[in-house]
PDB file of all heavy atoms in Angstrom:
ATOM      1  N   CYS A   1      -2.496  -2.669   9.130  1.00  0.00           N
ATOM      2  CA  CYS A   1      -2.658  -3.958   9.783  1.00  0.00           C
ATOM      3  C   CYS A   1      -4.128  -4.257  10.022  1.00  0.00           C
ATOM      4  O   CYS A   1      -4.485  -5.065  10.900  1.00  0.00           O
ATOM      5  CB  CYS A   1      -1.928  -3.999  11.090  1.00  0.00           C
ATOM      6  SG  CYS A   1      -0.120  -3.877  10.961  1.00  0.00           S
ATOM      7  N   ALA A   2      -5.005  -3.555   9.293  1.00  0.00           N
ATOM      8  CA  ALA A   2      -6.450  -3.676   9.482  1.00  0.00           C
ATOM      9  C   ALA A   2      -7.061  -4.624   8.473  1.00  0.00           C
ATOM     10  O   ALA A   2      -7.323  -5.816   8.756  1.00  0.00           O
ATOM     11  CB  ALA A   2      -7.090  -2.326   9.449  1.00  0.00           C
ATOM     12  N   ARG A   3      -7.320  -4.107   7.291  1.00  0.00           N
ATOM     13  CA  ARG A   3      -7.950  -4.925   6.221  1.00  0.00           C
ATOM     14  C   ARG A   3      -7.342  -4.528   4.841  1.00  0.00           C
ATOM     15  O   ARG A   3      -7.161  -3.355   4.575  1.00  0.00           O
ATOM     16  CB  ARG A   3      -9.452  -4.717   6.183  1.00  0.00           C
ATOM     17  CG  ARG A   3     -10.208  -5.400   7.330  1.00  0.00           C
ATOM     18  CD  ARG A   3     -10.142  -6.920   7.235  1.00  0.00           C
ATOM     19  NE  ARG A   3     -10.853  -7.578   8.322  1.00  0.00           N
ATOM     20  CZ  ARG A   3     -10.336  -7.944   9.468  1.00  0.00           C
ATOM     21  NH1 ARG A   3      -9.053  -7.676   9.683  1.00  0.00           N
ATOM     22  NH2 ARG A   3     -11.064  -8.548  10.368  1.00  0.00           N
ATOM     23  N   GLY A   4      -7.068  -5.521   4.046  1.00  0.00           N
ATOM     24  CA  GLY A   4      -6.665  -5.230   2.672  1.00  0.00           C
ATOM     25  C   GLY A   4      -7.765  -4.546   1.907  1.00  0.00           C
ATOM     26  O   GLY A   4      -8.919  -4.894   2.076  1.00  0.00           O
ATOM     27  N   GLY A   5      -7.396  -3.599   1.070  1.00  0.00           N
ATOM     28  CA  GLY A   5      -8.417  -2.882   0.286  1.00  0.00           C
ATOM     29  C   GLY A   5      -8.666  -1.492   0.818  1.00  0.00           C
ATOM     30  O   GLY A   5      -9.241  -0.651   0.104  1.00  0.00           O
ATOM     31  N   ILE A   6      -8.285  -1.201   2.048  1.00  0.00           N
ATOM     32  CA  ILE A   6      -8.443   0.155   2.577  1.00  0.00           C
ATOM     33  C   ILE A   6      -7.473   1.105   1.872  1.00  0.00           C
ATOM     34  O   ILE A   6      -7.793   2.255   1.593  1.00  0.00           O
ATOM     35  CB  ILE A   6      -8.220   0.197   4.110  1.00  0.00           C
ATOM     36  CG1 ILE A   6      -9.260  -0.651   4.806  1.00  0.00           C
ATOM     37  CG2 ILE A   6      -8.274   1.629   4.622  1.00  0.00           C
ATOM     38  CD1 ILE A   6      -9.045  -0.800   6.305  1.00  0.00           C
ATOM     39  N   ILE A   7      -6.295   0.577   1.540  1.00  0.00           N
ATOM     40  CA  ILE A   7      -5.326   1.325   0.740  1.00  0.00           C
ATOM     41  C   ILE A   7      -5.366   0.775  -0.683  1.00  0.00           C
ATOM     42  O   ILE A   7      -5.292  -0.445  -0.896  1.00  0.00           O
ATOM     43  CB  ILE A   7      -3.913   1.159   1.323  1.00  0.00           C
ATOM     44  CG1 ILE A   7      -3.826   1.657   2.769  1.00  0.00           C
ATOM     45  CG2 ILE A   7      -2.886   1.869   0.470  1.00  0.00           C
ATOM     46  CD1 ILE A   7      -2.508   1.373   3.465  1.00  0.00           C
ATOM     47  N   ASP A   8      -5.480   1.678  -1.631  1.00  0.00           N
ATOM     48  CA  ASP A   8      -5.378   1.284  -3.041  1.00  0.00           C
ATOM     49  C   ASP A   8      -3.928   0.869  -3.300  1.00  0.00           C
ATOM     50  O   ASP A   8      -2.995   1.707  -3.332  1.00  0.00           O
ATOM     51  CB  ASP A   8      -5.761   2.496  -3.905  1.00  0.00           C
ATOM     52  CG  ASP A   8      -5.768   2.179  -5.420  1.00  0.00           C
ATOM     53  OD1 ASP A   8      -4.965   1.279  -5.824  1.00  0.00           O
ATOM     54  OD2 ASP A   8      -6.508   2.817  -6.137  1.00  0.00           O
ATOM     55  N   GLU A   9      -3.716  -0.416  -3.541  1.00  0.00           N
ATOM     56  CA  GLU A   9      -2.361  -0.931  -3.609  1.00  0.00           C
ATOM     57  C   GLU A   9      -1.601  -0.369  -4.824  1.00  0.00           C
ATOM     58  O   GLU A   9      -0.390  -0.143  -4.779  1.00  0.00           O
ATOM     59  CB  GLU A   9      -2.372  -2.468  -3.643  1.00  0.00           C
ATOM     60  CG  GLU A   9      -2.822  -3.088  -2.314  1.00  0.00           C
ATOM     61  CD  GLU A   9      -2.824  -4.600  -2.318  1.00  0.00           C
ATOM     62  OE1 GLU A   9      -2.644  -5.164  -3.434  1.00  0.00           O
ATOM     63  OE2 GLU A   9      -2.966  -5.193  -1.256  1.00  0.00           O
ATOM     64  N   ASN A  10      -2.282  -0.192  -5.946  1.00  0.00           N
ATOM     65  CA  ASN A  10      -1.609   0.380  -7.108  1.00  0.00           C
ATOM     66  C   ASN A  10      -1.209   1.819  -6.874  1.00  0.00           C
ATOM     67  O   ASN A  10      -0.133   2.270  -7.290  1.00  0.00           O
ATOM     68  CB  ASN A  10      -2.525   0.262  -8.338  1.00  0.00           C
ATOM     69  CG  ASN A  10      -2.714  -1.175  -8.786  1.00  0.00           C
ATOM     70  OD1 ASN A  10      -1.779  -1.995  -8.725  1.00  0.00           O
ATOM     71  ND2 ASN A  10      -3.911  -1.508  -9.214  1.00  0.00           N
ATOM     72  N   ALA A  11      -2.070   2.556  -6.158  1.00  0.00           N
ATOM     73  CA  ALA A  11      -1.728   3.946  -5.810  1.00  0.00           C
ATOM     74  C   ALA A  11      -0.543   3.975  -4.850  1.00  0.00           C
ATOM     75  O   ALA A  11       0.333   4.838  -4.972  1.00  0.00           O
ATOM     76  CB  ALA A  11      -2.948   4.640  -5.199  1.00  0.00           C
ATOM     77  N   LEU A  12      -0.526   3.061  -3.912  1.00  0.00           N
ATOM     78  CA  LEU A  12       0.583   2.963  -2.986  1.00  0.00           C
ATOM     79  C   LEU A  12       1.904   2.691  -3.722  1.00  0.00           C
ATOM     80  O   LEU A  12       2.931   3.306  -3.427  1.00  0.00           O
ATOM     81  CB  LEU A  12       0.323   1.865  -1.954  1.00  0.00           C
ATOM     82  CG  LEU A  12       1.464   1.547  -0.974  1.00  0.00           C
ATOM     83  CD1 LEU A  12       1.911   2.785  -0.220  1.00  0.00           C
ATOM     84  CD2 LEU A  12       1.083   0.446  -0.022  1.00  0.00           C
ATOM     85  N   LEU A  13       1.845   1.753  -4.670  1.00  0.00           N
ATOM     86  CA  LEU A  13       3.051   1.430  -5.437  1.00  0.00           C
ATOM     87  C   LEU A  13       3.551   2.637  -6.196  1.00  0.00           C
ATOM     88  O   LEU A  13       4.771   2.945  -6.224  1.00  0.00           O
ATOM     89  CB  LEU A  13       2.808   0.278  -6.367  1.00  0.00           C
ATOM     90  CG  LEU A  13       3.963  -0.226  -7.229  1.00  0.00           C
ATOM     91  CD1 LEU A  13       5.138  -0.628  -6.331  1.00  0.00           C
ATOM     92  CD2 LEU A  13       3.534  -1.342  -8.132  1.00  0.00           C
ATOM     93  N   ARG A  14       2.627   3.366  -6.823  1.00  0.00           N
ATOM     94  CA  ARG A  14       3.012   4.588  -7.552  1.00  0.00           C
ATOM     95  C   ARG A  14       3.644   5.634  -6.596  1.00  0.00           C
ATOM     96  O   ARG A  14       4.640   6.294  -6.934  1.00  0.00           O
ATOM     97  CB  ARG A  14       1.823   5.181  -8.267  1.00  0.00           C
ATOM     98  CG  ARG A  14       1.365   4.383  -9.469  1.00  0.00           C
ATOM     99  CD  ARG A  14       0.277   5.127 -10.262  1.00  0.00           C
ATOM    100  NE  ARG A  14      -1.003   5.153  -9.599  1.00  0.00           N
ATOM    101  CZ  ARG A  14      -1.940   4.244  -9.782  1.00  0.00           C
ATOM    102  NH1 ARG A  14      -1.727   3.217 -10.586  1.00  0.00           N
ATOM    103  NH2 ARG A  14      -3.100   4.350  -9.153  1.00  0.00           N
ATOM    104  N   ALA A  15       3.064   5.766  -5.414  1.00  0.00           N
ATOM    105  CA  ALA A  15       3.587   6.718  -4.461  1.00  0.00           C
ATOM    106  C   ALA A  15       4.957   6.344  -3.934  1.00  0.00           C
ATOM    107  O   ALA A  15       5.852   7.186  -3.708  1.00  0.00           O
ATOM    108  CB  ALA A  15       2.611   6.871  -3.275  1.00  0.00           C
ATOM    109  N   LEU A  16       5.205   5.037  -3.758  1.00  0.00           N
ATOM    110  CA  LEU A  16       6.502   4.544  -3.351  1.00  0.00           C
ATOM    111  C   LEU A  16       7.555   4.798  -4.413  1.00  0.00           C
ATOM    112  O   LEU A  16       8.682   5.206  -4.125  1.00  0.00           O
ATOM    113  CB  LEU A  16       6.411   3.037  -3.044  1.00  0.00           C
ATOM    114  CG  LEU A  16       5.680   2.629  -1.722  1.00  0.00           C
ATOM    115  CD1 LEU A  16       5.371   1.160  -1.765  1.00  0.00           C
ATOM    116  CD2 LEU A  16       6.518   2.972  -0.530  1.00  0.00           C
ATOM    117  N   GLU A  17       7.172   4.545  -5.649  1.00  0.00           N
ATOM    118  CA  GLU A  17       8.136   4.713  -6.743  1.00  0.00           C
ATOM    119  C   GLU A  17       8.471   6.173  -7.007  1.00  0.00           C
ATOM    120  O   GLU A  17       9.588   6.492  -7.423  1.00  0.00           O
ATOM    121  CB  GLU A  17       7.583   4.058  -8.009  1.00  0.00           C
ATOM    122  CG  GLU A  17       7.525   2.515  -7.896  1.00  0.00           C
ATOM    123  CD  GLU A  17       6.932   1.833  -9.134  1.00  0.00           C
ATOM    124  OE1 GLU A  17       6.201   2.549  -9.866  1.00  0.00           O
ATOM    125  OE2 GLU A  17       7.136   0.644  -9.317  1.00  0.00           O
ATOM    126  N   SER A  18       7.511   7.072  -6.738  1.00  0.00           N
ATOM    127  CA  SER A  18       7.765   8.498  -6.948  1.00  0.00           C
ATOM    128  C   SER A  18       8.475   9.140  -5.767  1.00  0.00           C
ATOM    129  O   SER A  18       8.962  10.256  -5.871  1.00  0.00           O
ATOM    130  CB  SER A  18       6.446   9.228  -7.203  1.00  0.00           C
ATOM    131  OG  SER A  18       5.665   9.269  -6.051  1.00  0.00           O
ATOM    132  N   GLY A  19       8.460   8.462  -4.614  1.00  0.00           N
ATOM    133  CA  GLY A  19       9.023   9.008  -3.416  1.00  0.00           C
ATOM    134  C   GLY A  19       8.013   9.793  -2.568  1.00  0.00           C
ATOM    135  O   GLY A  19       8.345  10.281  -1.515  1.00  0.00           O
ATOM    136  N   GLN A  20       6.761   9.925  -3.078  1.00  0.00           N
ATOM    137  CA  GLN A  20       5.754  10.617  -2.308  1.00  0.00           C
ATOM    138  C   GLN A  20       5.464   9.869  -0.994  1.00  0.00           C
ATOM    139  O   GLN A  20       5.203  10.452   0.026  1.00  0.00           O
ATOM    140  CB  GLN A  20       4.454  10.740  -3.123  1.00  0.00           C
ATOM    141  CG  GLN A  20       3.347  11.520  -2.443  1.00  0.00           C
ATOM    142  CD  GLN A  20       3.711  12.982  -2.170  1.00  0.00           C
ATOM    143  OE1 GLN A  20       4.637  13.528  -2.751  1.00  0.00           O
ATOM    144  NE2 GLN A  20       2.979  13.606  -1.269  1.00  0.00           N
ATOM    145  N   CYS A  21       5.521   8.512  -1.056  1.00  0.00           N
ATOM    146  CA  CYS A  21       5.437   7.679   0.122  1.00  0.00           C
ATOM    147  C   CYS A  21       6.834   7.176   0.444  1.00  0.00           C
ATOM    148  O   CYS A  21       7.489   6.560  -0.423  1.00  0.00           O
ATOM    149  CB  CYS A  21       4.461   6.520  -0.091  1.00  0.00           C
ATOM    150  SG  CYS A  21       4.302   5.410   1.342  1.00  0.00           S
ATOM    151  N   GLY A  22       7.274   7.415   1.674  1.00  0.00           N
ATOM    152  CA  GLY A  22       8.630   7.005   2.043  1.00  0.00           C
ATOM    153  C   GLY A  22       8.807   5.573   2.505  1.00  0.00           C
ATOM    154  O   GLY A  22       9.915   5.095   2.688  1.00  0.00           O
ATOM    155  N   GLY A  23       7.694   4.881   2.730  1.00  0.00           N
ATOM    156  CA  GLY A  23       7.769   3.491   3.196  1.00  0.00           C
ATOM    157  C   GLY A  23       6.405   3.023   3.643  1.00  0.00           C
ATOM    158  O   GLY A  23       5.539   3.814   3.985  1.00  0.00           O
ATOM    159  N   ALA A  24       6.224   1.712   3.625  1.00  0.00           N
ATOM    160  CA  ALA A  24       4.927   1.132   3.995  1.00  0.00           C
ATOM    161  C   ALA A  24       5.177  -0.140   4.785  1.00  0.00           C
ATOM    162  O   ALA A  24       6.088  -0.935   4.475  1.00  0.00           O
ATOM    163  CB  ALA A  24       4.074   0.850   2.754  1.00  0.00           C
ATOM    164  N   GLY A  25       4.313  -0.371   5.789  1.00  0.00           N
ATOM    165  CA  GLY A  25       4.292  -1.639   6.524  1.00  0.00           C
ATOM    166  C   GLY A  25       2.944  -2.265   6.291  1.00  0.00           C
ATOM    167  O   GLY A  25       1.905  -1.711   6.623  1.00  0.00           O
ATOM    168  N   LEU A  26       2.934  -3.448   5.724  1.00  0.00           N
ATOM    169  CA  LEU A  26       1.693  -4.120   5.327  1.00  0.00           C
ATOM    170  C   LEU A  26       1.572  -5.505   5.907  1.00  0.00           C
ATOM    171  O   LEU A  26       2.514  -6.298   5.785  1.00  0.00           O
ATOM    172  CB  LEU A  26       1.597  -4.213   3.776  1.00  0.00           C
ATOM    173  CG  LEU A  26       1.713  -2.912   2.978  1.00  0.00           C
ATOM    174  CD1 LEU A  26       1.749  -3.222   1.496  1.00  0.00           C
ATOM    175  CD2 LEU A  26       0.593  -1.942   3.341  1.00  0.00           C
ATOM    176  N   ASP A  27       0.440  -5.767   6.553  1.00  0.00           N
ATOM    177  CA  ASP A  27       0.151  -7.085   7.065  1.00  0.00           C
ATOM    178  C   ASP A  27      -1.051  -7.710   6.358  1.00  0.00           C
ATOM    179  O   ASP A  27      -1.327  -8.897   6.499  1.00  0.00           O
ATOM    180  CB  ASP A  27      -0.092  -7.039   8.593  1.00  0.00           C
ATOM    181  CG  ASP A  27      -0.247  -8.402   9.210  1.00  0.00           C
ATOM    182  OD1 ASP A  27       0.617  -9.295   8.934  1.00  0.00           O
ATOM    183  OD2 ASP A  27      -1.208  -8.617   9.968  1.00  0.00           O
ATOM    184  N   VAL A  28      -1.783  -6.883   5.624  1.00  0.00           N
ATOM    185  CA  VAL A  28      -3.032  -7.310   4.970  1.00  0.00           C
ATOM    186  C   VAL A  28      -3.023  -6.828   3.540  1.00  0.00           C
ATOM    187  O   VAL A  28      -2.423  -5.803   3.216  1.00  0.00           O
ATOM    188  CB  VAL A  28      -4.280  -6.811   5.714  1.00  0.00           C
ATOM    189  CG1 VAL A  28      -4.412  -7.510   7.063  1.00  0.00           C
ATOM    190  CG2 VAL A  28      -4.211  -5.305   5.930  1.00  0.00           C
ATOM    191  N   TYR A  29      -3.765  -7.546   2.667  1.00  0.00           N
ATOM    192  CA  TYR A  29      -3.684  -7.265   1.242  1.00  0.00           C
ATOM    193  C   TYR A  29      -5.060  -7.431   0.602  1.00  0.00           C
ATOM    194  O   TYR A  29      -5.939  -8.107   1.133  1.00  0.00           O
ATOM    195  CB  TYR A  29      -2.672  -8.214   0.597  1.00  0.00           C
ATOM    196  CG  TYR A  29      -1.368  -8.246   1.354  1.00  0.00           C
ATOM    197  CD1 TYR A  29      -1.175  -9.151   2.401  1.00  0.00           C
ATOM    198  CD2 TYR A  29      -0.370  -7.332   1.061  1.00  0.00           C
ATOM    199  CE1 TYR A  29      -0.016  -9.155   3.173  1.00  0.00           C
ATOM    200  CE2 TYR A  29       0.816  -7.317   1.821  1.00  0.00           C
ATOM    201  CZ  TYR A  29       0.988  -8.231   2.860  1.00  0.00           C
ATOM    202  OH  TYR A  29       2.143  -8.232   3.584  1.00  0.00           O
ATOM    203  N   THR A  30      -5.228  -6.792  -0.572  1.00  0.00           N
ATOM    204  CA  THR A  30      -6.463  -6.904  -1.314  1.00  0.00           C
ATOM    205  C   THR A  30      -6.738  -8.379  -1.673  1.00  0.00           C
ATOM    206  O   THR A  30      -7.877  -8.854  -1.581  1.00  0.00           O
ATOM    207  CB  THR A  30      -6.426  -6.062  -2.589  1.00  0.00           C
ATOM    208  OG1 THR A  30      -6.153  -4.713  -2.232  1.00  0.00           O
ATOM    209  CG2 THR A  30      -7.732  -6.130  -3.331  1.00  0.00           C
ATOM    210  N   GLU A  31      -5.704  -9.068  -2.068  1.00  0.00           N
ATOM    211  CA  GLU A  31      -5.782 -10.528  -2.311  1.00  0.00           C
ATOM    212  C   GLU A  31      -4.807 -11.221  -1.426  1.00  0.00           C
ATOM    213  O   GLU A  31      -3.679 -10.785  -1.252  1.00  0.00           O
ATOM    214  CB  GLU A  31      -5.429 -10.839  -3.784  1.00  0.00           C
ATOM    215  CG  GLU A  31      -6.362 -10.243  -4.803  1.00  0.00           C
ATOM    216  CD  GLU A  31      -5.916 -10.537  -6.229  1.00  0.00           C
ATOM    217  OE1 GLU A  31      -4.884  -9.950  -6.629  1.00  0.00           O
ATOM    218  OE2 GLU A  31      -6.572 -11.334  -6.903  1.00  0.00           O
ATOM    219  N   GLU A  32      -5.231 -12.272  -0.762  1.00  0.00           N
ATOM    220  CA  GLU A  32      -4.367 -13.021   0.150  1.00  0.00           C
ATOM    221  C   GLU A  32      -4.374 -14.497  -0.217  1.00  0.00           C
ATOM    222  O   GLU A  32      -5.415 -15.134  -0.217  1.00  0.00           O
ATOM    223  CB  GLU A  32      -4.835 -12.805   1.593  1.00  0.00           C
ATOM    224  CG  GLU A  32      -4.708 -11.351   2.021  1.00  0.00           C
ATOM    225  CD  GLU A  32      -5.032 -11.115   3.492  1.00  0.00           C
ATOM    226  OE1 GLU A  32      -5.436 -12.074   4.154  1.00  0.00           O
ATOM    227  OE2 GLU A  32      -4.830  -9.985   3.983  1.00  0.00           O
TER     228      GLU A  32
END
């Protein structure tokens, strides 16, 4: 909920799809 770009969004998506990340809450994005 801070600033988009702190988390690599493509890396997050890969982690979600592999199950390495169990869930994400996002309020900010690299592009808005």
